[in-house]
Amino acid sequence: ADGILPLGLLGDGRTARFQDRPQGFVSLHGAASVADLDAAVEAP
């Protein structure tokens, strides 16, 4: 597709700056929720 290549690598490896949202968030989930979803489908 137009505008894809060449790829470039941005960032300094230290500064957290490439999130989707303007404000930083920490994400959390419960292991039991994932296990429940795992049991509902054939794929791992």
ModelCIF file with pLDDT and N, C-alpha, C, O atoms, coordinates in Angstrom:
data_MODEL
#
_entry.id   MODEL 
#
_entity.id                         1 
_entity.type                       polymer 
_entity.pdbx_number_of_molecules   1 
#
_entity_poly.entity_id                      1 
_entity_poly.type                           'polypeptide(L)' 
_entity_poly.nstd_linkage                   no 
_entity_poly.nstd_monomer                   no 
_entity_poly.pdbx_seq_one_letter_code       ADGILPLGLLGDGRTARFQDRPQGFVSLHGAASVADLDAAVEAP 
_entity_poly.pdbx_seq_one_letter_code_can   ADGILPLGLLGDGRTARFQDRPQGFVSLHGAASVADLDAAVEAP 
_entity_poly.pdbx_strand_id                 A 
#
loop_
_entity_poly_seq.entity_id 
_entity_poly_seq.num 
_entity_poly_seq.mon_id 
_entity_poly_seq.hetero 
1 1  ALA n 
1 2  ASP n 
1 3  GLY n 
1 4  ILE n 
1 5  LEU n 
1 6  PRO n 
1 7  LEU n 
1 8  GLY n 
1 9  LEU n 
1 10 LEU n 
1 11 GLY n 
1 12 ASP n 
1 13 GLY n 
1 14 ARG n 
1 15 THR n 
1 16 ALA n 
1 17 ARG n 
1 18 PHE n 
1 19 GLN n 
1 20 ASP n 
1 21 ARG n 
1 22 PRO n 
1 23 GLN n 
1 24 GLY n 
1 25 PHE n 
1 26 VAL n 
1 27 SER n 
1 28 LEU n 
1 29 HIS n 
1 30 GLY n 
1 31 ALA n 
1 32 ALA n 
1 33 SER n 
1 34 VAL n 
1 35 ALA n 
1 36 ASP n 
1 37 LEU n 
1 38 ASP n 
1 39 ALA n 
1 40 ALA n 
1 41 VAL n 
1 42 GLU n 
1 43 ALA n 
1 44 PRO n 
#
_struct_asym.id          A 
_struct_asym.entity_id   1 
#
loop_
_ma_qa_metric.id 
_ma_qa_metric.mode 
_ma_qa_metric.name 
_ma_qa_metric.software_group_id 
_ma_qa_metric.type 
1 global pLDDT . pLDDT 
2 local  pLDDT . pLDDT 
#
_ma_qa_metric_global.metric_id      1 
_ma_qa_metric_global.metric_value   92.73 
_ma_qa_metric_global.model_id       1 
_ma_qa_metric_global.ordinal_id     1 
#
loop_
_ma_qa_metric_local.label_asym_id 
_ma_qa_metric_local.label_comp_id 
_ma_qa_metric_local.label_seq_id 
_ma_qa_metric_local.metric_id 
_ma_qa_metric_local.metric_value 
_ma_qa_metric_local.model_id 
_ma_qa_metric_local.ordinal_id 
A ALA 1  2 96.00 1 1  
A ASP 2  2 96.00 1 2  
A GLY 3  2 95.00 1 3  
A ILE 4  2 97.00 1 4  
A LEU 5  2 97.00 1 5  
A PRO 6  2 97.00 1 6  
A LEU 7  2 97.00 1 7  
A GLY 8  2 96.00 1 8  
A LEU 9  2 96.00 1 9  
A LEU 10 2 94.00 1 10 
A GLY 11 2 93.00 1 11 
A ASP 12 2 94.00 1 12 
A GLY 13 2 94.00 1 13 
A ARG 14 2 92.00 1 14 
A THR 15 2 90.00 1 15 
A ALA 16 2 90.00 1 16 
A ARG 17 2 86.00 1 17 
A PHE 18 2 89.00 1 18 
A GLN 19 2 83.00 1 19 
A ASP 20 2 78.00 1 20 
A ARG 21 2 73.00 1 21 
A PRO 22 2 70.00 1 22 
A GLN 23 2 74.00 1 23 
A GLY 24 2 77.00 1 24 
A PHE 25 2 91.00 1 25 
A VAL 26 2 95.00 1 26 
A SER 27 2 96.00 1 27 
A LEU 28 2 98.00 1 28 
A HIS 29 2 98.00 1 29 
A GLY 30 2 98.00 1 30 
A ALA 31 2 98.00 1 31 
A ALA 32 2 98.00 1 32 
A SER 33 2 98.00 1 33 
A VAL 34 2 98.00 1 34 
A ALA 35 2 98.00 1 35 
A ASP 36 2 98.00 1 36 
A LEU 37 2 98.00 1 37 
A ASP 38 2 97.00 1 38 
A ALA 39 2 97.00 1 39 
A ALA 40 2 97.00 1 40 
A VAL 41 2 96.00 1 41 
A GLU 42 2 95.00 1 42 
A ALA 43 2 96.00 1 43 
A PRO 44 2 96.00 1 44 
#
loop_
_atom_site.group_PDB 
_atom_site.id 
_atom_site.type_symbol 
_atom_site.label_atom_id 
_atom_site.label_alt_id 
_atom_site.label_comp_id 
_atom_site.label_asym_id 
_atom_site.label_entity_id 
_atom_site.label_seq_id 
_atom_site.pdbx_PDB_ins_code 
_atom_site.Cartn_x 
_atom_site.Cartn_y 
_atom_site.Cartn_z 
_atom_site.occupancy 
_atom_site.B_iso_or_equiv 
_atom_site.pdbx_formal_charge 
_atom_site.auth_seq_id 
_atom_site.auth_comp_id 
_atom_site.auth_asym_id 
_atom_site.auth_atom_id 
_atom_site.pdbx_PDB_model_num 
ATOM 1   N N  . ALA A 1 1  ? 0.848   -1.201  0.000  1.00 96.00 ? 1  ALA A N  1 
ATOM 2   C CA . ALA A 1 1  ? 0.000   0.000   0.000  1.00 96.00 ? 1  ALA A CA 1 
ATOM 3   C C  . ALA A 1 1  ? 0.883   1.250   0.000  1.00 96.00 ? 1  ALA A C  1 
ATOM 4   O O  . ALA A 1 1  ? 2.001   1.240   0.515  1.00 96.00 ? 1  ALA A O  1 
ATOM 5   N N  . ASP A 1 2  ? 0.361   2.312   -0.581 1.00 96.00 ? 2  ASP A N  1 
ATOM 6   C CA . ASP A 1 2  ? 1.108   3.566   -0.641 1.00 96.00 ? 2  ASP A CA 1 
ATOM 7   C C  . ASP A 1 2  ? 1.460   4.052   0.764  1.00 96.00 ? 2  ASP A C  1 
ATOM 8   O O  . ASP A 1 2  ? 0.629   4.023   1.671  1.00 96.00 ? 2  ASP A O  1 
ATOM 9   N N  . GLY A 1 3  ? 2.701   4.496   0.926  1.00 95.00 ? 3  GLY A N  1 
ATOM 10  C CA . GLY A 1 3  ? 3.112   5.122   2.176  1.00 95.00 ? 3  GLY A CA 1 
ATOM 11  C C  . GLY A 1 3  ? 3.567   4.182   3.266  1.00 95.00 ? 3  GLY A C  1 
ATOM 12  O O  . GLY A 1 3  ? 3.868   4.628   4.373  1.00 95.00 ? 3  GLY A O  1 
ATOM 13  N N  . ILE A 1 4  ? 3.625   2.879   2.982  1.00 97.00 ? 4  ILE A N  1 
ATOM 14  C CA . ILE A 1 4  ? 4.022   1.925   4.026  1.00 97.00 ? 4  ILE A CA 1 
ATOM 15  C C  . ILE A 1 4  ? 5.541   1.762   4.104  1.00 97.00 ? 4  ILE A C  1 
ATOM 16  O O  . ILE A 1 4  ? 6.121   1.898   5.181  1.00 97.00 ? 4  ILE A O  1 
ATOM 17  N N  . LEU A 1 5  ? 6.179   1.476   2.992  1.00 97.00 ? 5  LEU A N  1 
ATOM 18  C CA . LEU A 1 5  ? 7.626   1.230   2.969  1.00 97.00 ? 5  LEU A CA 1 
ATOM 19  C C  . LEU A 1 5  ? 8.374   2.453   2.443  1.00 97.00 ? 5  LEU A C  1 
ATOM 20  O O  . LEU A 1 5  ? 7.849   3.191   1.610  1.00 97.00 ? 5  LEU A O  1 
ATOM 21  N N  . PRO A 1 6  ? 9.599   2.669   2.926  1.00 97.00 ? 6  PRO A N  1 
ATOM 22  C CA . PRO A 1 6  ? 10.318  1.848   3.915  1.00 97.00 ? 6  PRO A CA 1 
ATOM 23  C C  . PRO A 1 6  ? 9.879   2.157   5.339  1.00 97.00 ? 6  PRO A C  1 
ATOM 24  O O  . PRO A 1 6  ? 9.512   3.286   5.664  1.00 97.00 ? 6  PRO A O  1 
ATOM 25  N N  . LEU A 1 7  ? 9.924   1.120   6.186  1.00 97.00 ? 7  LEU A N  1 
ATOM 26  C CA . LEU A 1 7  ? 9.627   1.315   7.593  1.00 97.00 ? 7  LEU A CA 1 
ATOM 27  C C  . LEU A 1 7  ? 10.764  2.080   8.258  1.00 97.00 ? 7  LEU A C  1 
ATOM 28  O O  . LEU A 1 7  ? 11.900  2.056   7.785  1.00 97.00 ? 7  LEU A O  1 
ATOM 29  N N  . GLY A 1 8  ? 10.453  2.752   9.344  1.00 96.00 ? 8  GLY A N  1 
ATOM 30  C CA . GLY A 1 8  ? 11.471  3.422   10.149 1.00 96.00 ? 8  GLY A CA 1 
ATOM 31  C C  . GLY A 1 8  ? 11.234  3.109   11.610 1.00 96.00 ? 8  GLY A C  1 
ATOM 32  O O  . GLY A 1 8  ? 10.092  2.896   12.017 1.00 96.00 ? 8  GLY A O  1 
ATOM 33  N N  . LEU A 1 9  ? 12.288  3.076   12.406 1.00 96.00 ? 9  LEU A N  1 
ATOM 34  C CA . LEU A 1 9  ? 12.164  2.801   13.839 1.00 96.00 ? 9  LEU A CA 1 
ATOM 35  C C  . LEU A 1 9  ? 12.311  4.097   14.616 1.00 96.00 ? 9  LEU A C  1 
ATOM 36  O O  . LEU A 1 9  ? 13.375  4.714   14.606 1.00 96.00 ? 9  LEU A O  1 
ATOM 37  N N  . LEU A 1 10 ? 11.240  4.512   15.291 1.00 94.00 ? 10 LEU A N  1 
ATOM 38  C CA . LEU A 1 10 ? 11.238  5.727   16.092 1.00 94.00 ? 10 LEU A CA 1 
ATOM 39  C C  . LEU A 1 10 ? 11.356  5.393   17.569 1.00 94.00 ? 10 LEU A C  1 
ATOM 40  O O  . LEU A 1 10 ? 10.987  4.300   17.998 1.00 94.00 ? 10 LEU A O  1 
ATOM 41  N N  . GLY A 1 11 ? 11.876  6.342   18.348 1.00 93.00 ? 11 GLY A N  1 
ATOM 42  C CA . GLY A 1 11 ? 11.922  6.210   19.796 1.00 93.00 ? 11 GLY A CA 1 
ATOM 43  C C  . GLY A 1 11 ? 13.328  6.080   20.326 1.00 93.00 ? 11 GLY A C  1 
ATOM 44  O O  . GLY A 1 11 ? 14.257  5.714   19.606 1.00 93.00 ? 11 GLY A O  1 
ATOM 45  N N  . ASP A 1 12 ? 13.468  6.394   21.628 1.00 94.00 ? 12 ASP A N  1 
ATOM 46  C CA . ASP A 1 12 ? 14.786  6.342   22.260 1.00 94.00 ? 12 ASP A CA 1 
ATOM 47  C C  . ASP A 1 12 ? 14.986  5.106   23.134 1.00 94.00 ? 12 ASP A C  1 
ATOM 48  O O  . ASP A 1 12 ? 16.050  4.931   23.727 1.00 94.00 ? 12 ASP A O  1 
ATOM 49  N N  . GLY A 1 13 ? 13.955  4.237   23.217 1.00 94.00 ? 13 GLY A N  1 
ATOM 50  C CA . GLY A 1 13 ? 14.083  3.040   24.041 1.00 94.00 ? 13 GLY A CA 1 
ATOM 51  C C  . GLY A 1 13 ? 13.894  3.300   25.518 1.00 94.00 ? 13 GLY A C  1 
ATOM 52  O O  . GLY A 1 13 ? 13.999  2.372   26.320 1.00 94.00 ? 13 GLY A O  1 
ATOM 53  N N  . ARG A 1 14 ? 13.615  4.538   25.903 1.00 92.00 ? 14 ARG A N  1 
ATOM 54  C CA . ARG A 1 14 ? 13.433  4.883   27.320 1.00 92.00 ? 14 ARG A CA 1 
ATOM 55  C C  . ARG A 1 14 ? 12.079  5.551   27.574 1.00 92.00 ? 14 ARG A C  1 
ATOM 56  O O  . ARG A 1 14 ? 11.375  5.222   28.529 1.00 92.00 ? 14 ARG A O  1 
ATOM 57  N N  . THR A 1 15 ? 11.734  6.492   26.698 1.00 90.00 ? 15 THR A N  1 
ATOM 58  C CA . THR A 1 15 ? 10.552  7.316   26.931 1.00 90.00 ? 15 THR A CA 1 
ATOM 59  C C  . THR A 1 15 ? 9.293   6.627   26.427 1.00 90.00 ? 15 THR A C  1 
ATOM 60  O O  . THR A 1 15 ? 9.186   6.302   25.245 1.00 90.00 ? 15 THR A O  1 
ATOM 61  N N  . ALA A 1 16 ? 8.338   6.406   27.329 1.00 90.00 ? 16 ALA A N  1 
ATOM 62  C CA . ALA A 1 16 ? 7.055   5.801   26.960 1.00 90.00 ? 16 ALA A CA 1 
ATOM 63  C C  . ALA A 1 16 ? 6.219   6.856   26.252 1.00 90.00 ? 16 ALA A C  1 
ATOM 64  O O  . ALA A 1 16 ? 5.645   7.736   26.895 1.00 90.00 ? 16 ALA A O  1 
ATOM 65  N N  . ARG A 1 17 ? 6.150   6.768   24.928 1.00 86.00 ? 17 ARG A N  1 
ATOM 66  C CA . ARG A 1 17 ? 5.503   7.861   24.186 1.00 86.00 ? 17 ARG A CA 1 
ATOM 67  C C  . ARG A 1 17 ? 4.650   7.421   23.011 1.00 86.00 ? 17 ARG A C  1 
ATOM 68  O O  . ARG A 1 17 ? 4.101   8.270   22.308 1.00 86.00 ? 17 ARG A O  1 
ATOM 69  N N  . PHE A 1 18 ? 4.519   6.116   22.773 1.00 89.00 ? 18 PHE A N  1 
ATOM 70  C CA . PHE A 1 18 ? 3.794   5.677   21.584 1.00 89.00 ? 18 PHE A CA 1 
ATOM 71  C C  . PHE A 1 18 ? 2.501   4.944   21.926 1.00 89.00 ? 18 PHE A C  1 
ATOM 72  O O  . PHE A 1 18 ? 2.104   4.016   21.222 1.00 89.00 ? 18 PHE A O  1 
ATOM 73  N N  . GLN A 1 19 ? 1.846   5.362   23.008 1.00 83.00 ? 19 GLN A N  1 
ATOM 74  C CA . GLN A 1 19 ? 0.550   4.782   23.350 1.00 83.00 ? 19 GLN A CA 1 
ATOM 75  C C  . GLN A 1 19 ? -0.540  5.331   22.433 1.00 83.00 ? 19 GLN A C  1 
ATOM 76  O O  . GLN A 1 19 ? -0.336  6.316   21.723 1.00 83.00 ? 19 GLN A O  1 
ATOM 77  N N  . ASP A 1 20 ? -1.698  4.679   22.462 1.00 78.00 ? 20 ASP A N  1 
ATOM 78  C CA . ASP A 1 20 ? -2.825  5.116   21.636 1.00 78.00 ? 20 ASP A CA 1 
ATOM 79  C C  . ASP A 1 20 ? -3.536  6.328   22.223 1.00 78.00 ? 20 ASP A C  1 
ATOM 80  O O  . ASP A 1 20 ? -4.179  7.090   21.500 1.00 78.00 ? 20 ASP A O  1 
ATOM 81  N N  . ARG A 1 21 ? -3.419  6.501   23.525 1.00 73.00 ? 21 ARG A N  1 
ATOM 82  C CA . ARG A 1 21 ? -4.219  7.514   24.209 1.00 73.00 ? 21 ARG A CA 1 
ATOM 83  C C  . ARG A 1 21 ? -3.343  8.661   24.709 1.00 73.00 ? 21 ARG A C  1 
ATOM 84  O O  . ARG A 1 21 ? -2.185  8.443   25.063 1.00 73.00 ? 21 ARG A O  1 
ATOM 85  N N  . PRO A 1 22 ? -3.891  9.894   24.741 1.00 70.00 ? 22 PRO A N  1 
ATOM 86  C CA . PRO A 1 22 ? -3.101  11.036  25.197 1.00 70.00 ? 22 PRO A CA 1 
ATOM 87  C C  . PRO A 1 22 ? -2.617  10.888  26.639 1.00 70.00 ? 22 PRO A C  1 
ATOM 88  O O  . PRO A 1 22 ? -1.521  11.333  26.978 1.00 70.00 ? 22 PRO A O  1 
ATOM 89  N N  . GLN A 1 23 ? -3.428  10.268  27.476 1.00 74.00 ? 23 GLN A N  1 
ATOM 90  C CA . GLN A 1 23 ? -3.049  10.083  28.873 1.00 74.00 ? 23 GLN A CA 1 
ATOM 91  C C  . GLN A 1 23 ? -2.570  8.661   29.076 1.00 74.00 ? 23 GLN A C  1 
ATOM 92  O O  . GLN A 1 23 ? -3.150  7.711   28.549 1.00 74.00 ? 23 GLN A O  1 
ATOM 93  N N  . GLY A 1 24 ? -1.496  8.527   29.853 1.00 77.00 ? 24 GLY A N  1 
ATOM 94  C CA . GLY A 1 24 ? -0.965  7.192   30.107 1.00 77.00 ? 24 GLY A CA 1 
ATOM 95  C C  . GLY A 1 24 ? -1.906  6.374   30.975 1.00 77.00 ? 24 GLY A C  1 
ATOM 96  O O  . GLY A 1 24 ? -2.509  6.904   31.908 1.00 77.00 ? 24 GLY A O  1 
ATOM 97  N N  . PHE A 1 25 ? -2.033  5.110   30.682 1.00 91.00 ? 25 PHE A N  1 
ATOM 98  C CA . PHE A 1 25 ? -2.836  4.204   31.490 1.00 91.00 ? 25 PHE A CA 1 
ATOM 99  C C  . PHE A 1 25 ? -2.055  2.924   31.732 1.00 91.00 ? 25 PHE A C  1 
ATOM 100 O O  . PHE A 1 25 ? -1.248  2.506   30.903 1.00 91.00 ? 25 PHE A O  1 
ATOM 101 N N  . VAL A 1 26 ? -2.306  2.310   32.875 1.00 95.00 ? 26 VAL A N  1 
ATOM 102 C CA . VAL A 1 26 ? -1.783  0.985   33.175 1.00 95.00 ? 26 VAL A CA 1 
ATOM 103 C C  . VAL A 1 26 ? -2.946  0.020   33.004 1.00 95.00 ? 26 VAL A C  1 
ATOM 104 O O  . VAL A 1 26 ? -4.033  0.255   33.531 1.00 95.00 ? 26 VAL A O  1 
ATOM 105 N N  . SER A 1 27 ? -2.725  -1.063  32.271 1.00 96.00 ? 27 SER A N  1 
ATOM 106 C CA . SER A 1 27 ? -3.800  -2.008  31.993 1.00 96.00 ? 27 SER A CA 1 
ATOM 107 C C  . SER A 1 27 ? -3.689  -3.242  32.879 1.00 96.00 ? 27 SER A C  1 
ATOM 108 O O  . SER A 1 27 ? -2.589  -3.694  33.195 1.00 96.00 ? 27 SER A O  1 
ATOM 109 N N  . LEU A 1 28 ? -4.836  -3.781  33.274 1.00 98.00 ? 28 LEU A N  1 
ATOM 110 C CA . LEU A 1 28 ? -4.899  -4.916  34.197 1.00 98.00 ? 28 LEU A CA 1 
ATOM 111 C C  . LEU A 1 28 ? -6.037  -5.840  33.795 1.00 98.00 ? 28 LEU A C  1 
ATOM 112 O O  . LEU A 1 28 ? -7.105  -5.382  33.390 1.00 98.00 ? 28 LEU A O  1 
ATOM 113 N N  . HIS A 1 29 ? -5.805  -7.140  33.909 1.00 98.00 ? 29 HIS A N  1 
ATOM 114 C CA . HIS A 1 29 ? -6.907  -8.095  33.787 1.00 98.00 ? 29 HIS A CA 1 
ATOM 115 C C  . HIS A 1 29 ? -6.703  -9.249  34.755 1.00 98.00 ? 29 HIS A C  1 
ATOM 116 O O  . HIS A 1 29 ? -5.600  -9.474  35.256 1.00 98.00 ? 29 HIS A O  1 
ATOM 117 N N  . GLY A 1 30 ? -7.778  -9.971  35.009 1.00 98.00 ? 30 GLY A N  1 
ATOM 118 C CA . GLY A 1 30 ? -7.728  -11.117 35.898 1.00 98.00 ? 30 GLY A CA 1 
ATOM 119 C C  . GLY A 1 30 ? -7.407  -12.390 35.133 1.00 98.00 ? 30 GLY A C  1 
ATOM 120 O O  . GLY A 1 30 ? -7.928  -12.615 34.041 1.00 98.00 ? 30 GLY A O  1 
ATOM 121 N N  . ALA A 1 31 ? -6.548  -13.222 35.709 1.00 98.00 ? 31 ALA A N  1 
ATOM 122 C CA . ALA A 1 31 ? -6.202  -14.492 35.063 1.00 98.00 ? 31 ALA A CA 1 
ATOM 123 C C  . ALA A 1 31 ? -7.437  -15.361 34.858 1.00 98.00 ? 31 ALA A C  1 
ATOM 124 O O  . ALA A 1 31 ? -7.526  -16.098 33.876 1.00 98.00 ? 31 ALA A O  1 
ATOM 125 N N  . ALA A 1 32 ? -8.390  -15.274 35.786 1.00 98.00 ? 32 ALA A N  1 
ATOM 126 C CA . ALA A 1 32 ? -9.594  -16.102 35.690 1.00 98.00 ? 32 ALA A CA 1 
ATOM 127 C C  . ALA A 1 32 ? -10.463 -15.710 34.500 1.00 98.00 ? 32 ALA A C  1 
ATOM 128 O O  . ALA A 1 32 ? -11.135 -16.562 33.918 1.00 98.00 ? 32 ALA A O  1 
ATOM 129 N N  . SER A 1 33 ? -10.457 -14.436 34.136 1.00 98.00 ? 33 SER A N  1 
ATOM 130 C CA . SER A 1 33 ? -11.246 -13.990 32.980 1.00 98.00 ? 33 SER A CA 1 
ATOM 131 C C  . SER A 1 33 ? -10.706 -14.598 31.701 1.00 98.00 ? 33 SER A C  1 
ATOM 132 O O  . SER A 1 33 ? -11.470 -15.041 30.843 1.00 98.00 ? 33 SER A O  1 
ATOM 133 N N  . VAL A 1 34 ? -9.385  -14.617 31.576 1.00 98.00 ? 34 VAL A N  1 
ATOM 134 C CA . VAL A 1 34 ? -8.764  -15.207 30.390 1.00 98.00 ? 34 VAL A CA 1 
ATOM 135 C C  . VAL A 1 34 ? -9.014  -16.711 30.355 1.00 98.00 ? 34 VAL A C  1 
ATOM 136 O O  . VAL A 1 34 ? -9.273  -17.274 29.292 1.00 98.00 ? 34 VAL A O  1 
ATOM 137 N N  . ALA A 1 35 ? -8.936  -17.362 31.518 1.00 98.00 ? 35 ALA A N  1 
ATOM 138 C CA . ALA A 1 35 ? -9.198  -18.807 31.571 1.00 98.00 ? 35 ALA A CA 1 
ATOM 139 C C  . ALA A 1 35 ? -10.642 -19.109 31.172 1.00 98.00 ? 35 ALA A C  1 
ATOM 140 O O  . ALA A 1 35 ? -10.902 -20.111 30.507 1.00 98.00 ? 35 ALA A O  1 
ATOM 141 N N  . ASP A 1 36 ? -11.572 -18.259 31.567 1.00 98.00 ? 36 ASP A N  1 
ATOM 142 C CA . ASP A 1 36 ? -12.980 -18.441 31.217 1.00 98.00 ? 36 ASP A CA 1 
ATOM 143 C C  . ASP A 1 36 ? -13.177 -18.311 29.708 1.00 98.00 ? 36 ASP A C  1 
ATOM 144 O O  . ASP A 1 36 ? -13.916 -19.086 29.100 1.00 98.00 ? 36 ASP A O  1 
ATOM 145 N N  . LEU A 1 37 ? -12.514 -17.333 29.117 1.00 98.00 ? 37 LEU A N  1 
ATOM 146 C CA . LEU A 1 37 ? -12.605 -17.144 27.675 1.00 98.00 ? 37 LEU A CA 1 
ATOM 147 C C  . LEU A 1 37 ? -11.921 -18.290 26.930 1.00 98.00 ? 37 LEU A C  1 
ATOM 148 O O  . LEU A 1 37 ? -12.411 -18.737 25.892 1.00 98.00 ? 37 LEU A O  1 
ATOM 149 N N  . ASP A 1 38 ? -10.803 -18.759 27.450 1.00 97.00 ? 38 ASP A N  1 
ATOM 150 C CA . ASP A 1 38 ? -10.084 -19.884 26.848 1.00 97.00 ? 38 ASP A CA 1 
ATOM 151 C C  . ASP A 1 38 ? -10.981 -21.122 26.788 1.00 97.00 ? 38 ASP A C  1 
ATOM 152 O O  . ASP A 1 38 ? -10.962 -21.863 25.805 1.00 97.00 ? 38 ASP A O  1 
ATOM 153 N N  . ALA A 1 39 ? -11.759 -21.336 27.838 1.00 97.00 ? 39 ALA A N  1 
ATOM 154 C CA . ALA A 1 39 ? -12.629 -22.509 27.894 1.00 97.00 ? 39 ALA A CA 1 
ATOM 155 C C  . ALA A 1 39 ? -13.793 -22.422 26.911 1.00 97.00 ? 39 ALA A C  1 
ATOM 156 O O  . ALA A 1 39 ? -14.435 -23.429 26.613 1.00 97.00 ? 39 ALA A O  1 
ATOM 157 N N  . ALA A 1 40 ? -14.062 -21.225 26.412 1.00 97.00 ? 40 ALA A N  1 
ATOM 158 C CA . ALA A 1 40 ? -15.223 -21.027 25.530 1.00 97.00 ? 40 ALA A CA 1 
ATOM 159 C C  . ALA A 1 40 ? -14.902 -21.224 24.057 1.00 97.00 ? 40 ALA A C  1 
ATOM 160 O O  . ALA A 1 40 ? -15.811 -21.291 23.230 1.00 97.00 ? 40 ALA A O  1 
ATOM 161 N N  . VAL A 1 41 ? -13.611 -21.317 23.717 1.00 96.00 ? 41 VAL A N  1 
ATOM 162 C CA . VAL A 1 41 ? -13.225 -21.456 22.307 1.00 96.00 ? 41 VAL A CA 1 
ATOM 163 C C  . VAL A 1 41 ? -12.224 -22.600 22.152 1.00 96.00 ? 41 VAL A C  1 
ATOM 164 O O  . VAL A 1 41 ? -11.576 -23.008 23.115 1.00 96.00 ? 41 VAL A O  1 
ATOM 165 N N  . GLU A 1 42 ? -12.111 -23.104 20.940 1.00 95.00 ? 42 GLU A N  1 
ATOM 166 C CA . GLU A 1 42 ? -11.191 -24.212 20.696 1.00 95.00 ? 42 GLU A CA 1 
ATOM 167 C C  . GLU A 1 42 ? -9.738  -23.757 20.631 1.00 95.00 ? 42 GLU A C  1 
ATOM 168 O O  . GLU A 1 42 ? -8.842  -24.503 21.024 1.00 95.00 ? 42 GLU A O  1 
ATOM 169 N N  . ALA A 1 43 ? -9.493  -22.547 20.142 1.00 96.00 ? 43 ALA A N  1 
ATOM 170 C CA . ALA A 1 43 ? -8.124  -22.051 20.019 1.00 96.00 ? 43 ALA A CA 1 
ATOM 171 C C  . ALA A 1 43 ? -7.551  -21.747 21.405 1.00 96.00 ? 43 ALA A C  1 
ATOM 172 O O  . ALA A 1 43 ? -8.299  -21.392 22.316 1.00 96.00 ? 43 ALA A O  1 
ATOM 173 N N  . PRO A 1 44 ? -6.237  -21.883 21.575 1.00 96.00 ? 44 PRO A N  1 
ATOM 174 C CA . PRO A 1 44 ? -5.628  -21.552 22.868 1.00 96.00 ? 44 PRO A CA 1 
ATOM 175 C C  . PRO A 1 44 ? -5.658  -20.049 23.120 1.00 96.00 ? 44 PRO A C  1 
ATOM 176 O O  . PRO A 1 44 ? -5.189  -19.588 24.161 1.00 96.00 ? 44 PRO A O  1 
#
